[in-house]
Every structure is written in C-alpha cells, then in structure tokens.
Protein backbone atom coordinates (compact mmCIF):
# COMPACT_ATOMS: atom_id res chain seq x y z
CA MET A 1 15.19 19.37 -21.93
CA THR A 2 11.93 20.42 -20.27
CA ASN A 3 12.27 20.96 -16.52
CA LEU A 4 10.46 17.98 -14.96
CA ASN A 5 11.24 19.09 -11.41
CA THR A 6 8.72 21.85 -10.78
CA PRO A 7 6.95 22.08 -7.39
CA PHE A 8 3.66 20.23 -6.87
CA MET A 9 0.90 20.43 -4.29
CA ILE A 10 -0.27 17.87 -1.74
CA GLY A 11 -3.47 19.51 -0.58
CA ASN A 12 -2.41 23.01 0.47
CA VAL A 13 1.23 21.97 1.05
CA GLU A 14 3.76 22.85 -1.65
CA ILE A 15 6.43 20.21 -2.28
CA PRO A 16 9.41 22.04 -3.85
CA ASN A 17 10.50 19.24 -6.17
CA ARG A 18 9.56 15.73 -7.32
CA THR A 19 11.53 13.65 -4.81
CA VAL A 20 10.23 12.09 -1.60
CA LEU A 21 12.11 10.20 1.14
CA ALA A 22 10.18 7.00 1.89
CA PRO A 23 9.27 6.09 5.47
CA MET A 24 11.61 3.35 6.75
CA ALA A 25 11.33 1.80 10.21
CA GLY A 26 14.46 2.44 12.26
CA VAL A 27 15.88 4.80 9.63
CA THR A 28 13.79 7.89 8.91
CA ASN A 29 14.00 9.61 12.27
CA SER A 30 14.88 13.32 12.30
CA ALA A 31 18.64 12.56 12.21
CA PHE A 32 18.37 11.06 8.73
CA ARG A 33 15.42 13.16 7.55
CA THR A 34 17.38 16.40 8.05
CA ILE A 35 20.29 14.97 6.03
CA ALA A 36 17.94 13.89 3.23
CA LYS A 37 16.32 17.33 3.26
CA GLU A 38 19.73 19.04 2.99
CA MET A 39 20.58 16.66 0.13
CA GLY A 40 17.52 17.76 -1.83
CA ALA A 41 14.51 15.65 -0.76
CA GLY A 42 11.36 17.65 -1.43
CA LEU A 43 9.27 15.81 1.17
CA VAL A 44 10.51 13.61 4.01
CA VAL A 45 8.33 10.97 5.69
CA MET A 46 8.77 9.78 9.27
CA GLU A 47 9.16 6.09 10.09
CA MET A 48 5.74 4.57 10.75
CA ILE A 49 4.12 5.33 14.09
CA SER A 50 1.72 2.97 15.87
CA GLU A 51 -1.68 4.53 16.50
CA LYS A 52 -1.98 2.35 19.62
CA GLY A 53 1.42 3.54 20.85
CA LEU A 54 0.22 7.12 20.53
CA LEU A 55 -3.14 6.56 22.19
CA TYR A 56 -1.50 4.75 25.13
CA ASN A 57 1.12 7.51 25.47
CA ASN A 58 3.96 5.05 24.90
CA GLU A 59 7.16 6.95 25.73
CA LYS A 60 9.19 5.52 22.84
CA THR A 61 6.40 6.29 20.36
CA LEU A 62 6.05 9.87 21.59
CA HIS A 63 9.81 10.38 21.33
CA MET A 64 9.66 9.29 17.66
CA LEU A 65 7.45 12.31 16.90
CA HIS A 66 10.36 14.75 17.18
CA ILE A 67 10.59 17.04 14.14
CA ASP A 68 13.39 19.55 13.58
CA ASP A 69 12.55 23.11 12.52
CA ASN A 70 14.18 22.75 9.10
CA GLU A 71 12.37 19.58 7.97
CA ALA A 72 9.26 21.12 6.41
CA PRO A 73 7.50 19.86 4.46
CA VAL A 74 7.40 16.67 6.53
CA SER A 75 4.85 13.88 6.84
CA ILE A 76 4.11 11.51 9.74
CA GLN A 77 3.06 7.99 8.78
CA LEU A 78 0.56 6.14 10.97
CA PHE A 79 -0.27 2.45 10.98
CA GLY A 80 -3.18 0.73 12.65
CA GLY A 81 -6.17 -1.48 12.00
CA ASP A 82 -8.93 0.46 13.68
CA ALA A 83 -10.74 3.41 12.09
CA GLU A 84 -11.56 5.10 15.40
CA GLY A 85 -8.00 4.66 16.69
CA LEU A 86 -6.45 6.05 13.52
CA LYS A 87 -8.83 8.98 13.60
CA ARG A 88 -7.87 9.86 17.18
CA ALA A 89 -4.16 9.34 16.48
CA ALA A 90 -4.30 11.56 13.38
CA ASN A 91 -6.04 14.28 15.36
CA PHE A 92 -3.40 14.01 18.11
CA ILE A 93 -0.61 14.35 15.54
CA GLN A 94 -2.25 17.36 13.94
CA ASN A 95 -2.57 19.14 17.27
CA ASN A 96 0.70 18.13 18.94
CA THR A 97 3.42 17.97 16.28
CA LYS A 98 4.97 20.16 13.58
CA THR A 99 3.93 17.84 10.76
CA ASN A 100 2.51 19.24 7.52
CA ILE A 101 0.90 15.99 6.35
CA VAL A 102 -0.47 12.77 7.88
CA ASP A 103 0.03 9.51 5.97
CA ILE A 104 -1.62 6.12 6.52
CA ASN A 105 0.43 2.99 5.90
CA MET A 106 -1.54 0.55 3.76
CA GLY A 107 1.46 -1.32 2.43
CA CYS A 108 3.71 -2.66 5.19
CA PRO A 109 4.08 -6.40 4.48
CA VAL A 110 5.61 -7.61 7.77
CA ASN A 111 3.65 -10.17 9.78
CA LYS A 112 3.45 -8.32 13.09
CA VAL A 113 1.77 -5.36 11.34
CA VAL A 114 -0.53 -7.45 9.13
CA LYS A 115 -1.64 -9.57 12.11
CA ASN A 116 -2.98 -6.38 13.69
CA GLU A 117 -5.21 -5.84 10.63
CA ALA A 118 -2.91 -3.00 9.56
CA GLY A 119 -0.48 -2.19 6.74
CA ALA A 120 -0.97 -4.33 3.63
CA LYS A 121 -4.02 -6.05 5.16
CA TRP A 122 -6.08 -3.06 3.96
CA LEU A 123 -5.38 -4.00 0.34
CA LYS A 124 -7.95 -6.81 0.40
CA ASP A 125 -10.91 -4.45 0.71
CA PRO A 126 -11.41 -1.21 -1.28
CA GLU A 127 -14.55 -0.39 0.74
CA LYS A 128 -12.58 -0.54 3.97
CA ILE A 129 -9.95 1.76 2.43
CA TYR A 130 -12.69 4.23 1.49
CA HIS A 131 -14.26 4.09 4.96
CA ILE A 132 -11.02 4.59 6.91
CA ILE A 133 -9.96 7.56 4.79
CA LYS A 134 -13.39 9.19 5.10
CA GLU A 135 -13.18 8.79 8.88
CA VAL A 136 -9.66 10.15 9.24
CA THR A 137 -10.09 13.10 6.88
CA SER A 138 -13.15 14.17 8.88
CA VAL A 139 -10.91 15.29 11.77
CA LEU A 140 -8.00 16.73 9.78
CA ASP A 141 -7.34 20.25 8.57
CA ILE A 142 -3.98 19.19 7.11
CA PRO A 143 -3.67 16.84 4.10
CA LEU A 144 -4.00 13.07 4.44
CA THR A 145 -2.04 10.79 2.12
CA VAL A 146 -1.81 7.01 1.76
CA LYS A 147 1.05 4.68 0.91
CA MET A 148 0.02 1.26 -0.40
CA ARG A 149 1.26 -1.67 -2.47
CA THR A 150 -0.10 -3.04 -5.74
CA GLY A 151 -2.09 -5.68 -3.87
CA TRP A 152 -2.10 -8.56 -1.39
CA ASN A 153 -1.04 -11.46 -3.60
CA SER A 154 -1.92 -10.00 -7.03
CA PRO A 155 -2.38 -6.51 -8.46
CA GLU A 156 -6.02 -7.08 -9.51
CA LEU A 157 -7.36 -4.53 -6.98
CA ALA A 158 -4.60 -1.94 -7.45
CA VAL A 159 -6.64 0.53 -9.50
CA GLU A 160 -9.80 -0.04 -7.45
CA ASN A 161 -7.92 0.50 -4.18
CA ALA A 162 -6.29 3.66 -5.52
CA LEU A 163 -9.59 5.06 -6.79
CA ALA A 164 -11.24 4.26 -3.43
CA ALA A 165 -8.54 6.30 -1.68
CA GLU A 166 -8.85 9.16 -4.17
CA SER A 167 -12.65 9.37 -3.97
CA ALA A 168 -12.56 9.22 -0.15
CA GLY A 169 -10.45 12.38 -0.02
CA VAL A 170 -6.72 11.65 0.18
CA SER A 171 -4.51 14.48 -1.09
CA ALA A 172 -1.87 12.19 -2.68
CA LEU A 173 -1.23 8.47 -3.10
CA ALA A 174 2.09 6.63 -3.10
CA MET A 175 2.35 3.07 -4.36
CA HIS A 176 5.16 0.54 -4.02
CA GLY A 177 5.19 -1.60 -7.15
CA ARG A 178 5.09 -4.97 -5.39
CA THR A 179 2.38 -7.07 -3.77
CA ARG A 180 2.46 -7.98 -0.10
CA GLU A 181 3.31 -11.56 -1.05
CA GLN A 182 6.42 -10.39 -2.91
CA MET A 183 7.72 -8.54 0.16
CA TYR A 184 10.95 -7.01 -1.26
CA THR A 185 11.76 -9.73 -3.80
CA GLY A 186 11.41 -9.75 -7.56
CA THR A 187 10.99 -6.63 -9.63
CA VAL A 188 8.50 -3.78 -9.41
CA ASP A 189 5.35 -4.05 -11.50
CA LEU A 190 5.67 -1.01 -13.76
CA GLU A 191 2.61 -1.99 -15.78
CA THR A 192 0.35 -1.76 -12.72
CA LEU A 193 1.96 1.49 -11.56
CA THR A 194 1.26 2.94 -15.02
CA LYS A 195 -2.39 1.83 -14.86
CA VAL A 196 -2.80 3.47 -11.45
CA ALA A 197 -1.06 6.67 -12.59
CA THR A 198 -3.48 6.85 -15.53
CA ALA A 199 -6.57 6.12 -13.39
CA ILE A 200 -5.85 8.77 -10.76
CA THR A 201 -6.69 12.21 -12.12
CA LYS A 202 -7.41 14.47 -9.14
CA ILE A 203 -4.38 13.97 -6.88
CA PRO A 204 -0.62 13.45 -7.25
CA PHE A 205 0.58 9.88 -7.72
CA ILE A 206 3.98 8.99 -6.22
CA ALA A 207 5.83 5.92 -7.53
CA ASN A 208 7.94 3.85 -5.12
CA GLY A 209 10.15 0.79 -5.44
CA ASP A 210 13.47 -0.01 -7.16
CA ILE A 211 14.38 3.61 -7.92
CA ARG A 212 18.14 3.09 -7.82
CA ASN A 213 19.37 5.91 -10.04
CA ILE A 214 18.37 8.99 -12.01
CA GLN A 215 17.28 6.97 -15.05
CA ASP A 216 14.80 5.00 -12.90
CA ALA A 217 13.42 8.28 -11.53
CA ARG A 218 13.04 9.74 -15.01
CA GLN A 219 11.32 6.56 -16.23
CA ARG A 220 8.74 6.67 -13.39
CA ILE A 221 7.86 10.29 -14.20
CA GLU A 222 8.06 10.31 -18.02
CA GLU A 223 6.87 6.79 -18.87
CA VAL A 224 4.88 5.54 -15.86
CA GLY A 225 3.27 8.98 -15.44
CA ALA A 226 4.04 9.50 -11.75
CA ASP A 227 4.05 13.03 -10.38
CA ALA A 228 6.95 12.25 -8.05
CA VAL A 229 9.27 9.45 -6.96
CA MET A 230 9.61 8.05 -3.44
CA ILE A 231 13.04 6.64 -2.60
CA GLY A 232 13.87 4.37 0.31
CA ARG A 233 16.68 1.83 0.34
CA THR A 234 18.78 3.61 -2.32
CA ALA A 235 18.88 6.75 -0.17
CA MET A 236 20.10 4.90 2.93
CA GLY A 237 23.74 4.88 1.89
CA ASN A 238 23.49 7.69 -0.61
CA PRO A 239 21.10 10.52 0.31
CA TYR A 240 22.91 12.54 -2.39
CA ILE A 241 20.65 10.65 -4.84
CA PHE A 242 18.01 13.36 -4.23
CA ASN A 243 20.36 16.11 -5.48
CA GLN A 244 21.32 13.98 -8.47
CA ILE A 245 17.70 13.31 -9.44
CA ASN A 246 16.65 16.93 -8.94
CA HIS A 247 19.54 18.21 -11.07
CA TYR A 248 18.89 15.67 -13.82
CA LEU A 249 15.14 16.39 -13.97
CA GLU A 250 15.90 20.12 -14.16
CA THR A 251 18.78 20.11 -16.65
CA GLY A 252 19.31 16.65 -18.14
CA GLU A 253 22.84 16.68 -16.73
CA ILE A 254 24.21 13.82 -14.65
CA LEU A 255 26.09 14.86 -11.52
CA PRO A 256 29.00 12.56 -10.60
CA ASP A 257 28.59 10.22 -7.63
CA LEU A 258 30.05 11.27 -4.31
CA SER A 259 33.56 10.17 -3.46
CA PHE A 260 34.03 7.53 -0.76
CA ASP A 261 35.45 10.26 1.47
CA ASP A 262 32.29 12.37 1.05
CA LYS A 263 30.10 9.35 1.82
CA LEU A 264 32.03 8.74 5.04
CA ASN A 265 31.55 12.39 6.00
CA ILE A 266 27.79 12.05 5.52
CA ALA A 267 27.79 8.78 7.46
CA PHE A 268 29.59 10.37 10.39
CA GLU A 269 27.25 13.36 10.31
CA HIS A 270 24.36 10.87 10.44
CA LEU A 271 25.87 9.28 13.56
CA THR A 272 26.45 12.71 15.13
CA ARG A 273 22.82 13.72 14.64
CA LEU A 274 21.61 10.33 15.85
CA THR A 275 23.67 10.85 19.02
CA ALA A 276 22.11 14.27 19.61
CA LEU A 277 18.69 12.68 19.19
CA LYS A 278 19.09 9.46 21.20
CA GLY A 279 22.35 9.56 23.16
CA GLU A 280 25.67 7.94 22.25
CA GLY A 281 24.93 4.39 23.43
CA ILE A 282 21.70 3.92 21.48
CA ALA A 283 22.99 5.91 18.49
CA VAL A 284 26.12 3.79 18.05
CA ARG A 285 24.13 0.56 18.37
CA GLU A 286 21.61 1.72 15.75
CA PHE A 287 24.39 3.01 13.49
CA ARG A 288 25.94 -0.47 13.33
CA GLY A 289 23.07 -1.49 11.06
CA LEU A 290 23.16 1.73 9.01
CA ALA A 291 26.90 2.00 8.36
CA PRO A 292 27.13 -0.88 5.82
CA HIS A 293 24.95 1.10 3.40
CA TYR A 294 27.54 3.88 3.34
CA LEU A 295 30.51 1.51 3.17
CA ARG A 296 29.35 -0.60 0.26
CA GLY A 297 31.52 -1.24 -2.75
CA THR A 298 34.88 0.00 -1.50
CA ALA A 299 38.21 -1.78 -1.09
CA GLY A 300 38.42 -3.29 2.39
CA ALA A 301 34.81 -2.30 3.15
CA ALA A 302 33.82 -5.75 4.45
CA LYS A 303 36.53 -5.66 7.12
CA ILE A 304 35.57 -2.13 8.20
CA ARG A 305 31.86 -3.06 8.26
CA GLY A 306 32.61 -5.94 10.58
CA ALA A 307 34.57 -3.69 12.92
CA VAL A 308 31.89 -0.97 12.92
CA ALA A 309 29.33 -3.66 13.82
CA ARG A 310 31.23 -4.12 17.12
CA ALA A 311 31.89 -0.43 17.84
CA GLU A 312 30.82 0.92 21.23
CA SER A 313 31.56 4.65 20.87
CA ILE A 314 31.62 7.51 18.38
CA GLN A 315 35.39 7.69 18.75
CA GLU A 316 35.73 4.05 17.69
CA VAL A 317 33.61 4.70 14.59
CA GLN A 318 35.66 7.78 13.75
CA ASP A 319 38.91 5.82 14.07
CA LEU A 320 37.54 3.06 11.82
CA PHE A 321 36.43 5.58 9.21
CA ASP A 322 39.90 7.12 9.28
CA GLN A 323 41.34 3.66 8.64
CA ALA A 324 38.90 3.16 5.76
CA ARG A 325 40.01 6.44 4.20
CA THR A 326 43.66 5.37 4.44
CA HIS A 327 42.93 1.99 2.78
CA ALA A 328 40.90 3.64 0.01
CA LYS A 329 43.80 5.90 -1.05
C-alpha cells in the first residue's frame, strides 16, 4: 500500500500527518489537545474564541488562549461577524499567543453565533467571505485557514464559497459535509465535498464530518480527494483514533481498539490535565459531560455514567472508575 500519511503544508507550517483535531466548544482546550497530540493528531485546533471577547479583554476568553509547549502545530479558531473586529483579534492572537495558525469559523450552526452575523451566516455570501479573508490576511504573517459547511440550507454555493476563500488567500480550507439547516442530523454530503476537493487546486482541503473509523478516513482521502481529515465527536471518547488512522494510512494495517481499561486511563488523564488547567471544582463539573464518551458501550456503563454525572471530586471519579473496571472483568 502507498503511504497516504505524508506531511503536508498549511502555508509555511508543516503538518506531520493527515489528521486534524476539530475545534469543539467546551472540549478542545489544552487539556484535551495535548492528549490528542500525544495520540497522533497532526494538527490540533482550539475551541472557537469570540473576537469580541478578545477585544474587550474578557478574562474567560483570555484564559482560553493557553497553549502548552508541546502542542505545535496548533491553530486558534476565531468567530465573529465584523471584518475590522476579526482583523484586530487575529493580529492580537498572532502577537500574544503561541499559535502557528489562525482559523475563522464560517460553519458554526448554533443560533447565538448566527444571530451575531458569525459562523454559518457567512455561507450566504461568497463576496463577504472573500472580503473578510482579504482583510484578515492583510495583518497576518502566519497562515489563515477557514472552516465552513456545505451551505446555509443547500450546498449550491459550496464550491463558490470555497473558491472565494481560496482566491482571497487562505492557506487551507476545512469543510463539514452538512448545511447549517442540517445541524448535526442526517448524513454528510460526500458528493459536495468531492466537488469542492476537485475545485480547490492551490491549497489543502480538509474533510470533516462523520469520520467514525479508519475506513471513513481512507474514503475521504482516496475517493473524496481530501488532503486531510478533521475529526471531532469520534475523538472525544477515543483520541486513539488518530493513531489508528495514521497507522492505517501508512501501512494498511488495522490497529486493535483500546481496551476499556486503557480508555479509562485516558479519561482520568484528561480529568487530571483539566484540573491543572482550571482547578478541581470546574474540572470535575466539566468532566461530567465528557466522561460518557469514554464510558460508552461497556457493561454497567449507564450506571457509572449516572454516578460520574454527580461526582464532586477527582477522588470520587477515580473510585467510580475503579468500580467500572471491576464490573468489566
């Protein structure tokens, strides 16, 4: 088998393999990004940052900008509806963080983002996409990328939007294979992703959406024509997916899934790093929503999930995980 997992370039930044951790609100802080990186992710993307939060020096927003030394290459994703604001925010990020890449969110479907003329709202107007990218790239020395969806309520502008971004100067483009209207329902539109991959010739194209296993990753690269795959929800309970995809693209061999015990070890490491980042109280509360992804599909998992959802301390979580290990044997 030909090695499909060679490095590729985003601008002047080398990405060591063809896997990318998708930005996910409330998930892809440095605690999880470092785990994904250690598990093989070639590029990790920070949860989206509000340009207004940055410009108003919002304490919570500024805290989100923390990047560990071993994360590179890493990208910070911005969202906003104002060209001037995004330009200033991108410049701030370039000068005040360790990021290698800035990304603009043109795909988030949630109402509170769209109502601010941000996220997927950009998909209605290719000219606006072109203008915003031209403005933001004018202040950046590091690469700018864009993540978008196939369209607002249909994919008719998908190719036009992608070409607008490419001609305006982005260094890579990621596309989630659903419209804004679909949110996260239905299946990804592989036909549109293939059309976009064919249309874009100067920059890497990164396919996102419903990449649940190594075969999906291979299909996006070999058949759709993507240069890389961006993985979100699948990685939440199984960051080992990056290692599995990398190994498969390099050798054609399928690595076995992690044991339940190994998954619990990763989950607890995630909580430990989250605690170092945010303190025990906040970390345990946030982990309540993350733990079910690690606990899925195991005997007695539902009962353990319910108990973890009420946990107040790291010790409680550790005790519950020990119980889960006992039940699984």
